[in-house]
Amino acid sequence: MPLIKIDNKDYDTDTLSSEAKQQLQMLSITESEIKRLQAQLAIAQTARISYANALKAALPVIGGSDTIKL
């Protein structure tokens, strides 16, 4: 009898209706997808920083300033 807490109330998952169990399963899947997407976003943001730094290094220095704002 696993318990879940929603709005500070404990619910026994074994006693939930089939509709509530389905919604709980979809919520769990959605939470997993959000975590996966957040990890993908972190990877993309890290790559963006790396590409921006590589671009800065590849550009010629003009006017004595090496500051680039992206």
Protein backbone atom coordinates (compact mmCIF):
# COMPACT_ATOMS: atom_id res chain seq x y z
CA MET A 1 0.00 0.00 0.00
CA PRO A 2 2.21 2.84 -1.25
CA LEU A 3 1.22 6.31 -0.13
CA ILE A 4 1.34 9.53 -2.09
CA LYS A 5 1.00 13.01 -0.63
CA ILE A 6 -1.09 15.59 -2.46
CA ASP A 7 -1.85 18.94 -0.83
CA ASN A 8 -0.51 17.64 2.49
CA LYS A 9 -2.91 14.69 2.45
CA ASP A 10 -1.77 11.07 2.24
CA TYR A 11 -3.52 8.72 -0.16
CA ASP A 12 -3.15 4.97 -0.38
CA THR A 13 -2.58 4.29 -4.07
CA ASP A 14 -4.16 0.85 -3.76
CA THR A 15 -7.50 2.46 -2.93
CA LEU A 16 -7.54 5.04 -5.72
CA SER A 17 -10.07 4.79 -8.52
CA SER A 18 -8.84 3.60 -11.89
CA GLU A 19 -9.20 7.16 -13.22
CA ALA A 20 -7.10 8.55 -10.34
CA LYS A 21 -4.46 5.84 -10.92
CA GLN A 22 -4.35 6.74 -14.61
CA GLN A 23 -3.96 10.44 -13.81
CA LEU A 24 -1.21 9.61 -11.30
CA GLN A 25 0.60 7.56 -13.93
CA MET A 26 0.34 10.39 -16.47
CA LEU A 27 1.62 12.85 -13.87
CA SER A 28 4.60 10.60 -13.19
CA ILE A 29 5.35 10.28 -16.92
CA THR A 30 5.06 14.05 -17.30
CA GLU A 31 7.44 14.68 -14.39
CA SER A 32 9.97 12.32 -15.97
CA GLU A 33 9.65 14.08 -19.31
CA ILE A 34 10.18 17.48 -17.67
CA LYS A 35 13.38 16.20 -16.02
CA ARG A 36 14.58 14.79 -19.34
CA LEU A 37 13.86 18.07 -21.13
CA GLN A 38 15.62 20.06 -18.39
CA ALA A 39 18.70 17.87 -18.87
CA GLN A 40 18.53 18.42 -22.63
CA LEU A 41 18.24 22.17 -22.08
CA ALA A 42 21.29 22.13 -19.81
CA ILE A 43 23.24 20.32 -22.52
CA ALA A 44 22.12 22.84 -25.15
CA GLN A 45 22.97 25.81 -22.92
CA THR A 46 26.44 24.38 -22.25
CA ALA A 47 26.97 23.86 -25.97
CA ARG A 48 25.83 27.43 -26.69
CA ILE A 49 28.40 28.81 -24.24
CA SER A 50 31.10 26.66 -25.80
CA TYR A 51 30.21 27.76 -29.34
CA ALA A 52 30.10 31.42 -28.28
CA ASN A 53 33.53 31.11 -26.70
CA ALA A 54 34.90 29.39 -29.80
CA LEU A 55 33.43 32.14 -31.97
CA LYS A 56 35.02 34.83 -29.81
CA ALA A 57 38.38 33.09 -30.12
CA ALA A 58 38.01 32.84 -33.91
CA LEU A 59 37.11 36.49 -34.51
CA PRO A 60 39.78 39.07 -35.25
CA VAL A 61 40.33 41.81 -32.70
CA ILE A 62 38.97 45.08 -34.09
CA GLY A 63 39.70 48.43 -32.57
CA GLY A 64 41.70 47.01 -29.69
CA SER A 65 38.70 45.54 -27.89
CA ASP A 66 38.06 41.86 -27.54
CA THR A 67 34.67 42.22 -25.82
CA ILE A 68 31.75 40.69 -27.67
CA LYS A 69 28.21 40.71 -26.35
CA LEU A 70 25.95 37.94 -27.57
